[in-house]
Amino acid sequence: MCVFLYFIFLVALSTRKKKNPRNTIKSKILKTRKRKRDYDQVYNDYFNEPELPLDENKKGCGQFKCFACDIYFINNDAKIQHEKSKKHKRRVKQLNQEKAHTYKDALRAAEITF
């Protein structure tokens, strides 16, 4: 019995941790590349809704965009289907309830006055 425990102890010490692919630098770069725009950045576009230029690199030539969620769609039907989703409704509710943070708000939070 004692020899068996000694063997398990040696095996446990000799095993090494394998490198997890989620901990690599490449995965962190991809996460930042896929990241959506923040709430403050979307706020101005949602209430102004600028005209969209034709862009062939984006889905649907960049003509069908949800300004609240900052997503492009292939056609208008896909956009309408998205507007019925819970994810979109939550985002619109958040945009209507809260006001976007400004530079003055940041100064006030840091208690810096001029």
PDB file of N, CA and C in Angstrom:
ATOM      1  N   MET A   1       0.831  -1.195   0.000  1.00  0.00           N
ATOM      2  CA  MET A   1       0.000   0.000   0.000  1.00  0.00           C
ATOM      3  C   MET A   1       0.869   1.249   0.000  1.00  0.00           C
ATOM      4  N   CYS A   2       1.917   1.203   0.801  1.00  0.00           N
ATOM      5  CA  CYS A   2       2.801   2.357   0.906  1.00  0.00           C
ATOM      6  C   CYS A   2       3.528   2.611  -0.413  1.00  0.00           C
ATOM      7  N   VAL A   3       3.919   1.548  -1.097  1.00  0.00           N
ATOM      8  CA  VAL A   3       4.611   1.670  -2.385  1.00  0.00           C
ATOM      9  C   VAL A   3       3.674   2.276  -3.424  1.00  0.00           C
ATOM     10  N   PHE A   4       2.417   1.873  -3.379  1.00  0.00           N
ATOM     11  CA  PHE A   4       1.425   2.394  -4.316  1.00  0.00           C
ATOM     12  C   PHE A   4       1.238   3.898  -4.142  1.00  0.00           C
ATOM     13  N   LEU A   5       1.129   4.369  -2.913  1.00  0.00           N
ATOM     14  CA  LEU A   5       0.978   5.804  -2.653  1.00  0.00           C
ATOM     15  C   LEU A   5       2.223   6.574  -3.076  1.00  0.00           C
ATOM     16  N   TYR A   6       3.394   5.981  -2.854  1.00  0.00           N
ATOM     17  CA  TYR A   6       4.642   6.610  -3.266  1.00  0.00           C
ATOM     18  C   TYR A   6       4.690   6.751  -4.787  1.00  0.00           C
ATOM     19  N   PHE A   7       4.225   5.737  -5.509  1.00  0.00           N
ATOM     20  CA  PHE A   7       4.188   5.770  -6.969  1.00  0.00           C
ATOM     21  C   PHE A   7       3.246   6.871  -7.463  1.00  0.00           C
ATOM     22  N   ILE A   8       2.074   6.987  -6.865  1.00  0.00           N
ATOM     23  CA  ILE A   8       1.109   8.030  -7.254  1.00  0.00           C
ATOM     24  C   ILE A   8       1.695   9.409  -6.980  1.00  0.00           C
ATOM     25  N   PHE A   9       2.400   9.554  -5.863  1.00  0.00           N
ATOM     26  CA  PHE A   9       3.022  10.825  -5.521  1.00  0.00           C
ATOM     27  C   PHE A   9       4.064  11.216  -6.566  1.00  0.00           C
ATOM     28  N   LEU A  10       4.885  10.275  -7.011  1.00  0.00           N
ATOM     29  CA  LEU A  10       5.902  10.550  -8.028  1.00  0.00           C
ATOM     30  C   LEU A  10       5.282  10.886  -9.380  1.00  0.00           C
ATOM     31  N   VAL A  11       4.229  10.173  -9.744  1.00  0.00           N
ATOM     32  CA  VAL A  11       3.561  10.432 -11.021  1.00  0.00           C
ATOM     33  C   VAL A  11       2.922  11.814 -11.006  1.00  0.00           C
ATOM     34  N   ALA A  12       2.333  12.188  -9.888  1.00  0.00           N
ATOM     35  CA  ALA A  12       1.687  13.492  -9.788  1.00  0.00           C
ATOM     36  C   ALA A  12       2.706  14.617  -9.909  1.00  0.00           C
ATOM     37  N   LEU A  13       3.896  14.423  -9.363  1.00  0.00           N
ATOM     38  CA  LEU A  13       4.920  15.455  -9.453  1.00  0.00           C
ATOM     39  C   LEU A  13       5.549  15.534 -10.839  1.00  0.00           C
ATOM     40  N   SER A  14       5.611  14.393 -11.528  1.00  0.00           N
ATOM     41  CA  SER A  14       6.301  14.383 -12.810  1.00  0.00           C
ATOM     42  C   SER A  14       5.437  14.913 -13.951  1.00  0.00           C
ATOM     43  N   THR A  15       4.137  14.928 -13.769  1.00  0.00           N
ATOM     44  CA  THR A  15       3.286  15.436 -14.853  1.00  0.00           C
ATOM     45  C   THR A  15       3.391  16.943 -14.907  1.00  0.00           C
ATOM     46  N   ARG A  16       3.369  17.461 -16.088  1.00  0.00           N
ATOM     47  CA  ARG A  16       3.458  18.911 -16.248  1.00  0.00           C
ATOM     48  C   ARG A  16       2.138  19.435 -16.790  1.00  0.00           C
ATOM     49  N   LYS A  17       1.909  20.710 -16.582  1.00  0.00           N
ATOM     50  CA  LYS A  17       0.719  21.332 -17.141  1.00  0.00           C
ATOM     51  C   LYS A  17       0.927  21.528 -18.632  1.00  0.00           C
ATOM     52  N   LYS A  18      -0.062  21.181 -19.378  1.00  0.00           N
ATOM     53  CA  LYS A  18       0.023  21.401 -20.813  1.00  0.00           C
ATOM     54  C   LYS A  18      -0.439  22.812 -21.121  1.00  0.00           C
ATOM     55  N   LYS A  19       0.087  23.376 -22.168  1.00  0.00           N
ATOM     56  CA  LYS A  19      -0.242  24.751 -22.519  1.00  0.00           C
ATOM     57  C   LYS A  19      -1.666  24.817 -23.056  1.00  0.00           C
ATOM     58  N   ASN A  20      -2.461  25.624 -22.450  1.00  0.00           N
ATOM     59  CA  ASN A  20      -3.844  25.774 -22.864  1.00  0.00           C
ATOM     60  C   ASN A  20      -3.917  26.734 -24.048  1.00  0.00           C
ATOM     61  N   PRO A  21      -4.564  26.351 -25.155  1.00  0.00           N
ATOM     62  CA  PRO A  21      -4.605  27.244 -26.319  1.00  0.00           C
ATOM     63  C   PRO A  21      -5.389  28.528 -26.061  1.00  0.00           C
ATOM     64  N   ARG A  22      -6.235  28.540 -25.034  1.00  0.00           N
ATOM     65  CA  ARG A  22      -6.992  29.756 -24.737  1.00  0.00           C
ATOM     66  C   ARG A  22      -6.130  30.825 -24.080  1.00  0.00           C
ATOM     67  N   ASN A  23      -4.951  30.450 -23.606  1.00  0.00           N
ATOM     68  CA  ASN A  23      -4.092  31.399 -22.914  1.00  0.00           C
ATOM     69  C   ASN A  23      -3.061  32.050 -23.826  1.00  0.00           C
ATOM     70  N   THR A  24      -3.146  31.844 -25.103  1.00  0.00           N
ATOM     71  CA  THR A  24      -2.143  32.375 -26.013  1.00  0.00           C
ATOM     72  C   THR A  24      -2.450  33.816 -26.388  1.00  0.00           C
ATOM     73  N   ILE A  25      -1.474  34.479 -26.915  1.00  0.00           N
ATOM     74  CA  ILE A  25      -1.623  35.878 -27.314  1.00  0.00           C
ATOM     75  C   ILE A  25      -2.578  36.002 -28.495  1.00  0.00           C
ATOM     76  N   LYS A  26      -2.541  35.032 -29.396  1.00  0.00           N
ATOM     77  CA  LYS A  26      -3.376  35.083 -30.591  1.00  0.00           C
ATOM     78  C   LYS A  26      -4.856  35.143 -30.227  1.00  0.00           C
ATOM     79  N   SER A  27      -5.272  34.374 -29.220  1.00  0.00           N
ATOM     80  CA  SER A  27      -6.679  34.375 -28.838  1.00  0.00           C
ATOM     81  C   SER A  27      -7.089  35.731 -28.273  1.00  0.00           C
ATOM     82  N   LYS A  28      -6.185  36.405 -27.566  1.00  0.00           N
ATOM     83  CA  LYS A  28      -6.502  37.725 -27.023  1.00  0.00           C
ATOM     84  C   LYS A  28      -6.631  38.757 -28.132  1.00  0.00           C
ATOM     85  N   ILE A  29      -5.813  38.622 -29.171  1.00  0.00           N
ATOM     86  CA  ILE A  29      -5.910  39.533 -30.308  1.00  0.00           C
ATOM     87  C   ILE A  29      -7.241  39.338 -31.018  1.00  0.00           C
ATOM     88  N   LEU A  30      -7.652  38.087 -31.190  1.00  0.00           N
ATOM     89  CA  LEU A  30      -8.918  37.819 -31.856  1.00  0.00           C
ATOM     90  C   LEU A  30     -10.097  38.328 -31.036  1.00  0.00           C
ATOM     91  N   LYS A  31     -10.012  38.249 -29.714  1.00  0.00           N
ATOM     92  CA  LYS A  31     -11.090  38.757 -28.872  1.00  0.00           C
ATOM     93  C   LYS A  31     -11.266  40.255 -29.051  1.00  0.00           C
ATOM     94  N   THR A  32     -10.166  40.991 -29.106  1.00  0.00           N
ATOM     95  CA  THR A  32     -10.280  42.436 -29.270  1.00  0.00           C
ATOM     96  C   THR A  32     -10.733  42.787 -30.674  1.00  0.00           C
ATOM     97  N   ARG A  33     -10.412  41.957 -31.645  1.00  0.00           N
ATOM     98  CA  ARG A  33     -10.837  42.229 -33.013  1.00  0.00           C
ATOM     99  C   ARG A  33     -12.343  42.035 -33.166  1.00  0.00           C
ATOM    100  N   LYS A  34     -12.904  41.033 -32.454  1.00  0.00           N
ATOM    101  CA  LYS A  34     -14.329  40.743 -32.551  1.00  0.00           C
ATOM    102  C   LYS A  34     -15.174  41.641 -31.643  1.00  0.00           C
ATOM    103  N   ARG A  35     -14.550  42.397 -30.796  1.00  0.00           N
ATOM    104  CA  ARG A  35     -15.265  43.184 -29.799  1.00  0.00           C
ATOM    105  C   ARG A  35     -16.146  44.242 -30.451  1.00  0.00           C
ATOM    106  N   LYS A  36     -17.339  44.376 -29.947  1.00  0.00           N
ATOM    107  CA  LYS A  36     -18.273  45.363 -30.485  1.00  0.00           C
ATOM    108  C   LYS A  36     -17.996  46.728 -29.871  1.00  0.00           C
ATOM    109  N   ARG A  37     -18.550  47.751 -30.496  1.00  0.00           N
ATOM    110  CA  ARG A  37     -18.346  49.107 -29.998  1.00  0.00           C
ATOM    111  C   ARG A  37     -19.027  49.276 -28.645  1.00  0.00           C
ATOM    112  N   ASP A  38     -18.489  50.141 -27.831  1.00  0.00           N
ATOM    113  CA  ASP A  38     -19.026  50.374 -26.499  1.00  0.00           C
ATOM    114  C   ASP A  38     -20.306  51.197 -26.554  1.00  0.00           C
ATOM    115  N   TYR A  39     -20.972  51.231 -25.415  1.00  0.00           N
ATOM    116  CA  TYR A  39     -22.255  51.918 -25.282  1.00  0.00           C
ATOM    117  C   TYR A  39     -22.140  53.396 -25.654  1.00  0.00           C
ATOM    118  N   ASP A  40     -21.085  54.063 -25.210  1.00  0.00           N
ATOM    119  CA  ASP A  40     -20.924  55.491 -25.484  1.00  0.00           C
ATOM    120  C   ASP A  40     -20.747  55.768 -26.970  1.00  0.00           C
ATOM    121  N   GLN A  41     -20.059  54.891 -27.663  1.00  0.00           N
ATOM    122  CA  GLN A  41     -19.822  55.081 -29.086  1.00  0.00           C
ATOM    123  C   GLN A  41     -21.088  54.853 -29.903  1.00  0.00           C
ATOM    124  N   VAL A  42     -21.923  53.927 -29.475  1.00  0.00           N
ATOM    125  CA  VAL A  42     -23.145  53.603 -30.205  1.00  0.00           C
ATOM    126  C   VAL A  42     -24.223  54.656 -29.954  1.00  0.00           C
ATOM    127  N   TYR A  43     -24.176  55.310 -28.810  1.00  0.00           N
ATOM    128  CA  TYR A  43     -25.220  56.247 -28.382  1.00  0.00           C
ATOM    129  C   TYR A  43     -25.464  57.340 -29.422  1.00  0.00           C
ATOM    130  N   ASN A  44     -24.400  57.968 -29.926  1.00  0.00           N
ATOM    131  CA  ASN A  44     -24.557  59.059 -30.895  1.00  0.00           C
ATOM    132  C   ASN A  44     -25.122  58.559 -32.218  1.00  0.00           C
ATOM    133  N   ASP A  45     -24.668  57.418 -32.691  1.00  0.00           N
ATOM    134  CA  ASP A  45     -25.176  56.872 -33.951  1.00  0.00           C
ATOM    135  C   ASP A  45     -26.650  56.494 -33.842  1.00  0.00           C
ATOM    136  N   TYR A  46     -27.058  55.989 -32.691  1.00  0.00           N
ATOM    137  CA  TYR A  46     -28.437  55.535 -32.524  1.00  0.00           C
ATOM    138  C   TYR A  46     -29.422  56.693 -32.625  1.00  0.00           C
ATOM    139  N   PHE A  47     -29.095  57.823 -32.037  1.00  0.00           N
ATOM    140  CA  PHE A  47     -30.032  58.940 -32.051  1.00  0.00           C
ATOM    141  C   PHE A  47     -29.897  59.818 -33.291  1.00  0.00           C
ATOM    142  N   ASN A  48     -28.768  59.796 -33.982  1.00  0.00           N
ATOM    143  CA  ASN A  48     -28.596  60.600 -35.196  1.00  0.00           C
ATOM    144  C   ASN A  48     -28.893  59.801 -36.465  1.00  0.00           C
ATOM    145  N   GLU A  49     -28.578  58.529 -36.498  1.00  0.00           N
ATOM    146  CA  GLU A  49     -28.739  57.628 -37.637  1.00  0.00           C
ATOM    147  C   GLU A  49     -28.256  58.263 -38.940  1.00  0.00           C
ATOM    148  N   PRO A  50     -26.946  58.319 -39.137  1.00  0.00           N
ATOM    149  CA  PRO A  50     -26.408  58.900 -40.371  1.00  0.00           C
ATOM    150  C   PRO A  50     -26.730  58.030 -41.585  1.00  0.00           C
ATOM    151  N   GLU A  51     -26.663  58.642 -42.772  1.00  0.00           N
ATOM    152  CA  GLU A  51     -26.920  57.902 -44.002  1.00  0.00           C
ATOM    153  C   GLU A  51     -25.770  56.935 -44.262  1.00  0.00           C
ATOM    154  N   LEU A  52     -26.091  55.749 -44.696  1.00  0.00           N
ATOM    155  CA  LEU A  52     -25.073  54.716 -44.892  1.00  0.00           C
ATOM    156  C   LEU A  52     -24.557  54.716 -46.333  1.00  0.00           C
ATOM    157  N   PRO A  53     -23.255  54.855 -46.531  1.00  0.00           N
ATOM    158  CA  PRO A  53     -22.701  54.759 -47.891  1.00  0.00           C
ATOM    159  C   PRO A  53     -22.621  53.292 -48.331  1.00  0.00           C
ATOM    160  N   LEU A  54     -22.588  53.069 -49.643  1.00  0.00           N
ATOM    161  CA  LEU A  54     -22.438  51.706 -50.163  1.00  0.00           C
ATOM    162  C   LEU A  54     -21.037  51.193 -49.863  1.00  0.00           C
ATOM    163  N   ASP A  55     -20.971  50.022 -49.270  1.00  0.00           N
ATOM    164  CA  ASP A  55     -19.684  49.406 -48.967  1.00  0.00           C
ATOM    165  C   ASP A  55     -19.788  47.921 -49.290  1.00  0.00           C
ATOM    166  N   GLU A  56     -19.112  47.486 -50.332  1.00  0.00           N
ATOM    167  CA  GLU A  56     -19.241  46.103 -50.788  1.00  0.00           C
ATOM    168  C   GLU A  56     -18.517  45.103 -49.892  1.00  0.00           C
ATOM    169  N   ASN A  57     -17.713  45.565 -48.972  1.00  0.00           N
ATOM    170  CA  ASN A  57     -17.011  44.660 -48.058  1.00  0.00           C
ATOM    171  C   ASN A  57     -17.884  44.221 -46.889  1.00  0.00           C
ATOM    172  N   LYS A  58     -18.990  44.906 -46.653  1.00  0.00           N
ATOM    173  CA  LYS A  58     -19.872  44.575 -45.536  1.00  0.00           C
ATOM    174  C   LYS A  58     -21.092  43.815 -46.031  1.00  0.00           C
ATOM    175  N   LYS A  59     -21.790  43.177 -45.103  1.00  0.00           N
ATOM    176  CA  LYS A  59     -22.994  42.422 -45.457  1.00  0.00           C
ATOM    177  C   LYS A  59     -24.049  43.353 -46.029  1.00  0.00           C
ATOM    178  N   GLY A  60     -24.718  42.927 -47.091  1.00  0.00           N
ATOM    179  CA  GLY A  60     -25.793  43.720 -47.686  1.00  0.00           C
ATOM    180  C   GLY A  60     -25.316  45.061 -48.184  1.00  0.00           C
ATOM    181  N   CYS A  61     -24.078  45.142 -48.596  1.00  0.00           N
ATOM    182  CA  CYS A  61     -23.443  46.393 -49.071  1.00  0.00           C
ATOM    183  C   CYS A  61     -23.504  47.494 -48.017  1.00  0.00           C
ATOM    184  N   GLY A  62     -23.652  47.137 -46.767  1.00  0.00           N
ATOM    185  CA  GLY A  62     -23.643  48.108 -45.681  1.00  0.00           C
ATOM    186  C   GLY A  62     -24.897  48.950 -45.584  1.00  0.00           C
ATOM    187  N   GLN A  63     -26.007  48.503 -46.190  1.00  0.00           N
ATOM    188  CA  GLN A  63     -27.237  49.293 -46.206  1.00  0.00           C
ATOM    189  C   GLN A  63     -28.205  48.940 -45.082  1.00  0.00           C
ATOM    190  N   PHE A  64     -28.092  47.769 -44.511  1.00  0.00           N
ATOM    191  CA  PHE A  64     -29.026  47.324 -43.479  1.00  0.00           C
ATOM    192  C   PHE A  64     -28.266  47.182 -42.168  1.00  0.00           C
ATOM    193  N   LYS A  65     -28.366  48.204 -41.328  1.00  0.00           N
ATOM    194  CA  LYS A  65     -27.616  48.226 -40.076  1.00  0.00           C
ATOM    195  C   LYS A  65     -28.548  48.505 -38.910  1.00  0.00           C
ATOM    196  N   CYS A  66     -28.340  47.784 -37.833  1.00  0.00           N
ATOM    197  CA  CYS A  66     -29.023  48.080 -36.577  1.00  0.00           C
ATOM    198  C   CYS A  66     -28.099  49.021 -35.809  1.00  0.00           C
ATOM    199  N   PHE A  67     -28.508  50.268 -35.651  1.00  0.00           N
ATOM    200  CA  PHE A  67     -27.652  51.253 -34.999  1.00  0.00           C
ATOM    201  C   PHE A  67     -27.544  51.010 -33.497  1.00  0.00           C
ATOM    202  N   ALA A  68     -28.562  50.414 -32.901  1.00  0.00           N
ATOM    203  CA  ALA A  68     -28.519  50.155 -31.464  1.00  0.00           C
ATOM    204  C   ALA A  68     -27.492  49.078 -31.129  1.00  0.00           C
ATOM    205  N   CYS A  69     -27.457  48.008 -31.923  1.00  0.00           N
ATOM    206  CA  CYS A  69     -26.555  46.882 -31.645  1.00  0.00           C
ATOM    207  C   CYS A  69     -25.272  46.949 -32.455  1.00  0.00           C
ATOM    208  N   ASP A  70     -25.212  47.839 -33.439  1.00  0.00           N
ATOM    209  CA  ASP A  70     -24.035  48.005 -34.304  1.00  0.00           C
ATOM    210  C   ASP A  70     -23.733  46.715 -35.072  1.00  0.00           C
ATOM    211  N   ILE A  71     -24.769  46.206 -35.767  1.00  0.00           N
ATOM    212  CA  ILE A  71     -24.650  44.980 -36.556  1.00  0.00           C
ATOM    213  C   ILE A  71     -25.171  45.259 -37.965  1.00  0.00           C
ATOM    214  N   TYR A  72     -24.480  44.706 -38.976  1.00  0.00           N
ATOM    215  CA  TYR A  72     -24.941  44.794 -40.361  1.00  0.00           C
ATOM    216  C   TYR A  72     -25.681  43.512 -40.728  1.00  0.00           C
ATOM    217  N   PHE A  73     -26.698  43.641 -41.602  1.00  0.00           N
ATOM    218  CA  PHE A  73     -27.503  42.496 -42.010  1.00  0.00           C
ATOM    219  C   PHE A  73     -27.490  42.336 -43.520  1.00  0.00           C
ATOM    220  N   ILE A  74     -27.829  41.126 -43.980  1.00  0.00           N
ATOM    221  CA  ILE A  74     -27.823  40.814 -45.405  1.00  0.00           C
ATOM    222  C   ILE A  74     -28.972  41.521 -46.115  1.00  0.00           C
ATOM    223  N   ASN A  75     -30.162  41.490 -45.517  1.00  0.00           N
ATOM    224  CA  ASN A  75     -31.327  42.138 -46.128  1.00  0.00           C
ATOM    225  C   ASN A  75     -32.221  42.713 -45.039  1.00  0.00           C
ATOM    226  N   ASN A  76     -33.293  43.359 -45.467  1.00  0.00           N
ATOM    227  CA  ASN A  76     -34.189  44.023 -44.525  1.00  0.00           C
ATOM    228  C   ASN A  76     -34.965  43.012 -43.683  1.00  0.00           C
ATOM    229  N   ASP A  77     -35.281  41.842 -44.250  1.00  0.00           N
ATOM    230  CA  ASP A  77     -36.008  40.820 -43.483  1.00  0.00           C
ATOM    231  C   ASP A  77     -35.198  40.350 -42.276  1.00  0.00           C
ATOM    232  N   ALA A  78     -33.907  40.173 -42.469  1.00  0.00           N
ATOM    233  CA  ALA A  78     -33.043  39.755 -41.357  1.00  0.00           C
ATOM    234  C   ALA A  78     -32.980  40.845 -40.292  1.00  0.00           C
ATOM    235  N   LYS A  79     -32.983  42.095 -40.734  1.00  0.00           N
ATOM    236  CA  LYS A  79     -32.957  43.212 -39.780  1.00  0.00           C
ATOM    237  C   LYS A  79     -34.249  43.264 -38.973  1.00  0.00           C
ATOM    238  N   ILE A  80     -35.381  43.075 -39.638  1.00  0.00           N
ATOM    239  CA  ILE A  80     -36.677  43.086 -38.947  1.00  0.00           C
ATOM    240  C   ILE A  80     -36.756  41.931 -37.950  1.00  0.00           C
ATOM    241  N   GLN A  81     -36.255  40.762 -38.344  1.00  0.00           N
ATOM    242  CA  GLN A  81     -36.236  39.613 -37.435  1.00  0.00           C
ATOM    243  C   GLN A  81     -35.371  39.911 -36.207  1.00  0.00           C
ATOM    244  N   HIS A  82     -34.257  40.596 -36.409  1.00  0.00           N
ATOM    245  CA  HIS A  82     -33.372  40.954 -35.302  1.00  0.00           C
ATOM    246  C   HIS A  82     -34.055  41.935 -34.351  1.00  0.00           C
ATOM    247  N   GLU A  83     -34.816  42.874 -34.909  1.00  0.00           N
ATOM    248  CA  GLU A  83     -35.484  43.882 -34.074  1.00  0.00           C
ATOM    249  C   GLU A  83     -36.545  43.277 -33.169  1.00  0.00           C
ATOM    250  N   LYS A  84     -36.998  42.065 -33.476  1.00  0.00           N
ATOM    251  CA  LYS A  84     -37.966  41.375 -32.626  1.00  0.00           C
ATOM    252  C   LYS A  84     -37.290  40.613 -31.491  1.00  0.00           C
ATOM    253  N   SER A  85     -35.975  40.473 -31.552  1.00  0.00           N
ATOM    254  CA  SER A  85     -35.264  39.655 -30.568  1.00  0.00           C
ATOM    255  C   SER A  85     -35.131  40.363 -29.223  1.00  0.00           C
ATOM    256  N   LYS A  86     -34.936  39.573 -28.196  1.00  0.00           N
ATOM    257  CA  LYS A  86     -34.803  40.097 -26.838  1.00  0.00           C
ATOM    258  C   LYS A  86     -33.505  40.877 -26.669  1.00  0.00           C
ATOM    259  N   LYS A  87     -32.456  40.425 -27.342  1.00  0.00           N
ATOM    260  CA  LYS A  87     -31.157  41.088 -27.259  1.00  0.00           C
ATOM    261  C   LYS A  87     -31.253  42.534 -27.759  1.00  0.00           C
ATOM    262  N   HIS A  88     -31.949  42.729 -28.876  1.00  0.00           N
ATOM    263  CA  HIS A  88     -32.112  44.069 -29.442  1.00  0.00           C
ATOM    264  C   HIS A  88     -32.975  44.943 -28.527  1.00  0.00           C
ATOM    265  N   LYS A  89     -34.043  44.383 -28.018  1.00  0.00           N
ATOM    266  CA  LYS A  89     -34.948  45.159 -27.163  1.00  0.00           C
ATOM    267  C   LYS A  89     -34.251  45.623 -25.889  1.00  0.00           C
ATOM    268  N   ARG A  90     -33.397  44.770 -25.324  1.00  0.00           N
ATOM    269  CA  ARG A  90     -32.635  45.168 -24.132  1.00  0.00           C
ATOM    270  C   ARG A  90     -31.691  46.315 -24.444  1.00  0.00           C
ATOM    271  N   ARG A  91     -31.046  46.239 -25.602  1.00  0.00           N
ATOM    272  CA  ARG A  91     -30.088  47.280 -25.984  1.00  0.00           C
ATOM    273  C   ARG A  91     -30.796  48.614 -26.197  1.00  0.00           C
ATOM    274  N   VAL A  92     -31.964  48.603 -26.854  1.00  0.00           N
ATOM    275  CA  VAL A  92     -32.731  49.831 -27.082  1.00  0.00           C
ATOM    276  C   VAL A  92     -33.196  50.411 -25.753  1.00  0.00           C
ATOM    277  N   LYS A  93     -33.629  49.561 -24.846  1.00  0.00           N
ATOM    278  CA  LYS A  93     -34.069  50.018 -23.527  1.00  0.00           C
ATOM    279  C   LYS A  93     -32.914  50.677 -22.780  1.00  0.00           C
ATOM    280  N   GLN A  94     -31.734  50.092 -22.877  1.00  0.00           N
ATOM    281  CA  GLN A  94     -30.557  50.654 -22.220  1.00  0.00           C
ATOM    282  C   GLN A  94     -30.209  52.018 -22.816  1.00  0.00           C
ATOM    283  N   LEU A  95     -30.289  52.138 -24.140  1.00  0.00           N
ATOM    284  CA  LEU A  95     -29.962  53.406 -24.798  1.00  0.00           C
ATOM    285  C   LEU A  95     -30.962  54.500 -24.434  1.00  0.00           C
ATOM    286  N   ASN A  96     -32.232  54.140 -24.282  1.00  0.00           N
ATOM    287  CA  ASN A  96     -33.247  55.142 -23.962  1.00  0.00           C
ATOM    288  C   ASN A  96     -33.220  55.554 -22.492  1.00  0.00           C
ATOM    289  N   GLN A  97     -32.823  54.656 -21.605  1.00  0.00           N
ATOM    290  CA  GLN A  97     -32.831  54.975 -20.179  1.00  0.00           C
ATOM    291  C   GLN A  97     -31.610  55.774 -19.750  1.00  0.00           C
ATOM    292  N   GLU A  98     -30.452  55.352 -20.189  1.00  0.00           N
ATOM    293  CA  GLU A  98     -29.218  55.967 -19.715  1.00  0.00           C
ATOM    294  C   GLU A  98     -28.712  57.011 -20.694  1.00  0.00           C
ATOM    295  N   LYS A  99     -27.970  57.948 -20.161  1.00  0.00           N
ATOM    296  CA  LYS A  99     -27.329  58.954 -20.984  1.00  0.00           C
ATOM    297  C   LYS A  99     -25.864  58.557 -21.154  1.00  0.00           C
ATOM    298  N   ALA A 100     -25.319  58.824 -22.324  1.00  0.00           N
ATOM    299  CA  ALA A 100     -23.929  58.437 -22.592  1.00  0.00           C
ATOM    300  C   ALA A 100     -22.984  59.247 -21.715  1.00  0.00           C
ATOM    301  N   HIS A 101     -21.879  58.632 -21.323  1.00  0.00           N
ATOM    302  CA  HIS A 101     -20.879  59.310 -20.509  1.00  0.00           C
ATOM    303  C   HIS A 101     -20.113  60.309 -21.358  1.00  0.00           C
ATOM    304  N   THR A 102     -19.818  61.448 -20.780  1.00  0.00           N
ATOM    305  CA  THR A 102     -19.080  62.485 -21.493  1.00  0.00           C
ATOM    306  C   THR A 102     -17.788  62.794 -20.742  1.00  0.00           C
ATOM    307  N   TYR A 103     -17.010  63.661 -21.337  1.00  0.00           N
ATOM    308  CA  TYR A 103     -15.752  64.077 -20.724  1.00  0.00           C
ATOM    309  C   TYR A 103     -16.010  64.821 -19.415  1.00  0.00           C
ATOM    310  N   LYS A 104     -17.066  65.634 -19.386  1.00  0.00           N
ATOM    311  CA  LYS A 104     -17.411  66.376 -18.168  1.00  0.00           C
ATOM    312  C   LYS A 104     -17.808  65.423 -17.038  1.00  0.00           C
ATOM    313  N   ASP A 105     -18.518  64.355 -17.382  1.00  0.00           N
ATOM    314  CA  ASP A 105     -18.885  63.360 -16.370  1.00  0.00           C
ATOM    315  C   ASP A 105     -17.649  62.702 -15.768  1.00  0.00           C
ATOM    316  N   ALA A 106     -16.668  62.435 -16.611  1.00  0.00           N
ATOM    317  CA  ALA A 106     -15.432  61.814 -16.126  1.00  0.00           C
ATOM    318  C   ALA A 106     -14.690  62.751 -15.184  1.00  0.00           C
ATOM    319  N   LEU A 107     -14.655  64.035 -15.519  1.00  0.00           N
ATOM    320  CA  LEU A 107     -13.996  65.010 -14.644  1.00  0.00           C
ATOM    321  C   LEU A 107     -14.737  65.150 -13.318  1.00  0.00           C
ATOM    322  N   ARG A 108     -16.064  65.139 -13.387  1.00  0.00           N
ATOM    323  CA  ARG A 108     -16.865  65.257 -12.180  1.00  0.00           C
ATOM    324  C   ARG A 108     -16.653  64.037 -11.283  1.00  0.00           C
ATOM    325  N   ALA A 109     -16.539  62.862 -11.875  1.00  0.00           N
ATOM    326  CA  ALA A 109     -16.310  61.643 -11.096  1.00  0.00           C
ATOM    327  C   ALA A 109     -14.930  61.659 -10.441  1.00  0.00           C
ATOM    328  N   ALA A 110     -13.962  62.253 -11.114  1.00  0.00           N
ATOM    329  CA  ALA A 110     -12.609  62.335 -10.562  1.00  0.00           C
ATOM    330  C   ALA A 110     -12.443  63.552  -9.654  1.00  0.00           C
ATOM    331  N   GLU A 111     -13.501  64.336  -9.507  1.00  0.00           N
ATOM    332  CA  GLU A 111     -13.525  65.543  -8.672  1.00  0.00           C
ATOM    333  C   GLU A 111     -12.494  66.568  -9.130  1.00  0.00           C
ATOM    334  N   ILE A 112     -12.389  66.728 -10.442  1.00  0.00           N
ATOM    335  CA  ILE A 112     -11.510  67.744 -11.016  1.00  0.00           C
ATOM    336  C   ILE A 112     -12.397  68.860 -11.541  1.00  0.00           C
ATOM    337  N   THR A 113     -12.161  70.069 -11.076  1.00  0.00           N
ATOM    338  CA  THR A 113     -12.950  71.211 -11.539  1.00  0.00           C
ATOM    339  C   THR A 113     -12.029  72.264 -12.115  1.00  0.00           C
ATOM    340  N   PHE A 114     -12.571  73.039 -13.024  1.00  0.00           N
ATOM    341  CA  PHE A 114     -11.792  74.116 -13.641  1.00  0.00           C
ATOM    342  C   PHE A 114     -12.413  75.454 -13.329  1.00  0.00           C
TER     343      PHE A 114
END
